[in-house]
Protein backbone atom coordinates (compact mmCIF):
# COMPACT_ATOMS: atom_id res chain seq x y z
CA MET A 1 -12.05 -22.22 -19.89
CA ASN A 2 -15.14 -22.28 -17.71
CA PRO A 3 -15.92 -19.21 -15.58
CA PRO A 4 -14.88 -19.57 -11.94
CA ARG A 5 -17.57 -20.46 -9.45
CA SER A 6 -15.67 -18.74 -6.65
CA VAL A 7 -13.26 -15.80 -6.59
CA THR A 8 -11.15 -14.40 -3.79
CA LEU A 9 -11.14 -10.61 -4.11
CA ALA A 10 -8.70 -8.54 -2.06
CA PHE A 11 -8.77 -4.79 -1.51
CA THR A 12 -5.44 -3.29 -0.45
CA GLY A 13 -4.34 0.28 0.25
CA ALA A 14 -3.45 1.41 -3.27
CA SER A 15 -5.48 4.10 -4.97
CA GLY A 16 -8.17 2.61 -7.20
CA MET A 17 -10.96 1.52 -4.88
CA PRO A 18 -13.61 2.32 -7.56
CA TYR A 19 -12.15 -0.55 -9.62
CA GLY A 20 -12.42 -2.97 -6.72
CA MET A 21 -15.95 -2.04 -5.76
CA ARG A 22 -17.20 -2.20 -9.33
CA LEU A 23 -15.52 -5.58 -9.77
CA LEU A 24 -17.21 -6.85 -6.61
CA GLU A 25 -20.57 -5.71 -7.95
CA CYS A 26 -20.00 -7.39 -11.33
CA LEU A 27 -18.91 -10.67 -9.76
CA LEU A 28 -22.01 -10.79 -7.59
CA VAL A 29 -24.25 -9.93 -10.55
CA ALA A 30 -22.63 -12.86 -12.38
CA ASN A 31 -23.62 -15.09 -9.43
CA VAL A 32 -20.00 -15.83 -8.50
CA SER A 33 -19.24 -16.68 -4.87
CA VAL A 34 -16.86 -14.03 -3.53
CA TYR A 35 -14.47 -14.27 -0.61
CA LEU A 36 -13.61 -10.63 0.13
CA LEU A 37 -10.41 -9.74 2.00
CA VAL A 38 -9.88 -6.13 3.07
CA SER A 39 -6.72 -4.59 4.50
CA SER A 40 -6.83 -1.80 7.08
CA ALA A 41 -5.25 0.58 4.57
CA ALA A 42 -8.02 -0.25 2.08
CA GLN A 43 -10.54 1.03 4.62
CA ILE A 44 -8.77 4.39 4.57
CA VAL A 45 -8.70 4.48 0.77
CA ALA A 46 -12.42 3.63 0.55
CA LYS A 47 -13.20 6.60 2.78
CA GLN A 48 -10.86 8.93 0.88
CA GLU A 49 -11.87 7.98 -2.68
CA LEU A 50 -15.51 6.97 -2.35
CA GLY A 51 -16.67 8.47 0.93
CA ILE A 52 -17.55 4.96 2.14
CA ALA A 53 -16.84 4.08 5.76
CA PHE A 54 -16.04 0.37 5.90
CA PRO A 55 -16.86 -1.13 9.30
CA SER A 56 -13.76 -2.49 11.00
CA ARG A 57 -15.45 -5.82 11.81
CA ALA A 58 -15.57 -8.20 8.86
CA SER A 59 -19.05 -9.44 9.79
CA GLU A 60 -20.44 -5.89 9.76
CA LEU A 61 -18.78 -5.09 6.44
CA GLU A 62 -20.24 -8.28 5.00
CA GLU A 63 -23.75 -7.27 6.01
CA MET A 64 -23.27 -3.76 4.61
CA LEU A 65 -22.06 -5.00 1.22
CA LYS A 66 -24.71 -7.72 1.02
CA ALA A 67 -27.37 -5.05 1.43
CA GLN A 68 -25.68 -2.64 -1.00
CA TYR A 69 -25.41 -5.19 -3.80
CA ALA A 70 -28.41 -7.38 -2.95
CA ALA A 71 -26.12 -10.40 -2.86
CA HIS A 72 -27.75 -13.82 -2.92
CA PRO A 73 -27.44 -15.80 0.32
CA GLY A 74 -24.01 -17.37 0.73
CA LYS A 75 -22.49 -15.54 -2.26
CA LEU A 76 -20.43 -13.03 -0.29
CA ARG A 77 -18.19 -13.72 2.70
CA VAL A 78 -15.82 -11.15 4.17
CA PHE A 79 -12.71 -11.99 6.17
CA GLY A 80 -10.18 -9.92 8.10
CA ARG A 81 -6.48 -10.06 7.25
CA GLU A 82 -5.72 -12.26 10.28
CA GLU A 83 -8.57 -14.79 9.92
CA TRP A 84 -6.44 -17.86 9.35
CA PHE A 85 -9.40 -20.24 9.44
CA ALA A 86 -10.87 -18.66 6.29
CA PRO A 87 -11.25 -21.24 3.47
CA VAL A 88 -8.82 -19.37 1.22
CA ALA A 89 -5.96 -19.81 3.71
CA SER A 90 -5.58 -23.47 2.77
CA GLY A 91 -4.78 -25.31 -0.42
CA SER A 92 -7.46 -27.82 0.55
CA ASN A 93 -10.20 -25.24 -0.10
CA PRO A 94 -9.00 -22.44 -2.42
CA ALA A 95 -11.20 -20.30 -4.60
CA ASP A 96 -11.11 -20.99 -8.34
CA ALA A 97 -9.38 -17.63 -8.93
CA MET A 98 -8.09 -14.60 -7.05
CA VAL A 99 -7.89 -10.90 -7.85
CA VAL A 100 -6.06 -8.24 -5.84
CA CYS A 101 -7.66 -4.96 -6.92
CA PRO A 102 -6.24 -2.48 -6.23
CA CYS A 103 -2.84 -3.97 -5.38
CA THR A 104 -0.15 -2.07 -3.49
CA MET A 105 3.50 -2.51 -4.35
CA GLY A 106 3.99 -3.85 -0.82
CA THR A 107 1.39 -6.56 -1.36
CA LEU A 108 2.85 -7.39 -4.76
CA ALA A 109 6.33 -7.68 -3.23
CA ALA A 110 5.07 -9.89 -0.40
CA ILE A 111 3.40 -12.21 -2.92
CA ALA A 112 6.50 -12.29 -5.13
CA HIS A 113 8.66 -13.37 -2.19
CA GLY A 114 6.23 -15.75 -0.50
CA LEU A 115 5.80 -13.64 2.65
CA SER A 116 2.46 -15.04 3.77
CA ASP A 117 2.17 -12.98 6.95
CA ASN A 118 -1.46 -11.96 6.39
CA LEU A 119 -4.50 -13.57 4.81
CA ILE A 120 -4.23 -11.62 1.55
CA ALA A 121 -0.64 -12.70 0.89
CA ARG A 122 -1.39 -16.23 2.08
CA ALA A 123 -4.42 -16.57 -0.23
CA ALA A 124 -2.28 -15.41 -3.15
CA ASP A 125 0.45 -17.88 -2.17
CA VAL A 126 -2.17 -20.64 -2.16
CA SER A 127 -3.41 -19.56 -5.59
CA ILE A 128 0.10 -19.82 -7.01
CA LYS A 129 0.95 -23.17 -5.47
CA GLU A 130 -2.40 -24.66 -6.46
CA GLN A 131 -2.02 -23.22 -9.98
CA ARG A 132 -5.20 -21.18 -9.81
CA LYS A 133 -5.64 -17.94 -11.76
CA LEU A 134 -4.16 -14.97 -9.89
CA ILE A 135 -4.64 -11.42 -11.18
CA LEU A 136 -2.89 -8.42 -9.64
CA VAL A 137 -4.07 -4.89 -10.47
CA PRO A 138 -1.13 -2.69 -9.36
CA ARG A 139 -1.88 1.03 -9.10
CA GLU A 140 1.40 2.94 -8.96
CA THR A 141 3.28 5.31 -11.23
CA PRO A 142 6.04 5.42 -12.16
CA TYR A 143 7.24 1.87 -11.56
CA SER A 144 10.70 1.48 -10.08
CA ALA A 145 13.11 -1.21 -11.24
CA LEU A 146 12.28 -3.09 -8.04
CA HIS A 147 8.55 -2.99 -8.85
CA LEU A 148 9.21 -4.23 -12.36
CA GLU A 149 11.48 -7.03 -11.17
CA ASN A 150 8.80 -8.25 -8.78
CA MET A 151 6.18 -8.12 -11.52
CA LEU A 152 8.43 -10.05 -13.91
CA LYS A 153 9.07 -12.69 -11.26
CA LEU A 154 5.33 -13.16 -10.77
CA ALA A 155 4.55 -13.08 -14.51
CA ARG A 156 7.02 -15.92 -15.03
CA LEU A 157 4.98 -17.92 -12.49
CA GLY A 158 1.83 -17.36 -14.54
CA VAL A 159 0.41 -14.49 -12.49
CA VAL A 160 -1.50 -11.94 -14.58
CA ILE A 161 -0.22 -8.38 -14.07
CA LEU A 162 -3.06 -6.09 -15.13
CA PRO A 163 -2.34 -2.40 -14.47
CA PRO A 164 -5.53 -0.30 -14.50
CA ASN A 165 -4.76 1.54 -17.73
CA PRO A 166 -8.05 2.42 -19.43
CA GLY A 167 -8.23 2.89 -23.19
CA PHE A 168 -10.01 5.77 -24.88
CA TYR A 169 -10.99 4.27 -28.22
CA HIS A 170 -14.52 3.69 -26.92
CA HIS A 171 -14.91 7.44 -26.28
CA PRO A 172 -15.66 7.35 -22.55
CA GLN A 173 -17.97 10.12 -21.40
CA ASN A 174 -17.47 9.77 -17.66
CA ILE A 175 -15.33 8.23 -14.92
CA GLU A 176 -17.62 5.22 -14.71
CA ALA A 177 -16.82 4.30 -18.33
CA LEU A 178 -13.09 4.39 -17.56
CA VAL A 179 -13.60 2.18 -14.52
CA ASP A 180 -15.72 -0.25 -16.53
CA PHE A 181 -12.97 -0.53 -19.18
CA VAL A 182 -10.54 -1.90 -16.59
CA VAL A 183 -13.11 -4.10 -14.86
CA ALA A 184 -14.07 -5.53 -18.26
CA ARG A 185 -10.45 -6.59 -18.82
CA ILE A 186 -10.43 -8.33 -15.43
CA MET A 187 -13.72 -10.09 -16.17
CA ASP A 188 -12.29 -11.23 -19.52
CA GLN A 189 -9.27 -12.73 -17.76
CA LEU A 190 -11.69 -14.61 -15.50
CA HIS A 191 -13.73 -15.77 -18.52
CA ILE A 192 -16.89 -14.30 -17.00
CA PRO A 193 -19.40 -12.91 -19.54
CA HIS A 194 -20.29 -9.23 -19.15
CA GLN A 195 -21.84 -6.27 -20.95
CA LEU A 196 -19.59 -3.57 -19.54
CA MET A 197 -18.56 -2.15 -22.91
CA ALA A 198 -18.57 -2.90 -26.62
CA ARG A 199 -15.65 -4.98 -27.84
CA TRP A 200 -13.17 -3.79 -30.45
CA GLY A 201 -14.65 -4.05 -33.92
CA GLU A 202 -18.23 -4.29 -32.65
CA ALA A 203 -20.84 -1.59 -33.07
């Protein structure tokens, strides 16, 4: 499969914002066009886990992230959860793929049951109906039977359920190496080349 030219990336209020931010950086480095959707709870998590204060206005957050990652013009667009005129809200203009990272159990449940009451859930609904790659990175433990049932329902629709469970066979020396392990698995699912870590069996 060819790498996607555009990816919708959603940050929700689950723990795991370092995964999302690193994934955003890697997508932009790979010259992928990113539509970024950020929930209000994700703003709280970004402050708690990374000490980053996300501006509440999507346009201001877009400018901040463009400067932080030196994004090429037009490669990063940020939308609020109620911006229904965003391209990703319609099947006539979906991104090639979508990733929700990190993904709350509430967001996962909304997607599983087609409750498109915000832009994140609607963009995921569009991805499913248009048969585009959809990857959910749920950060919760332990999983309840309800969580597992929702995941199974989505997996049967072709959605990739990718819990952020880093391996240790590459002997990580820091938190960044653990984050990169998970982001590498997401990039692999998107068929985007990367150099985040050595592959199994390689020196």
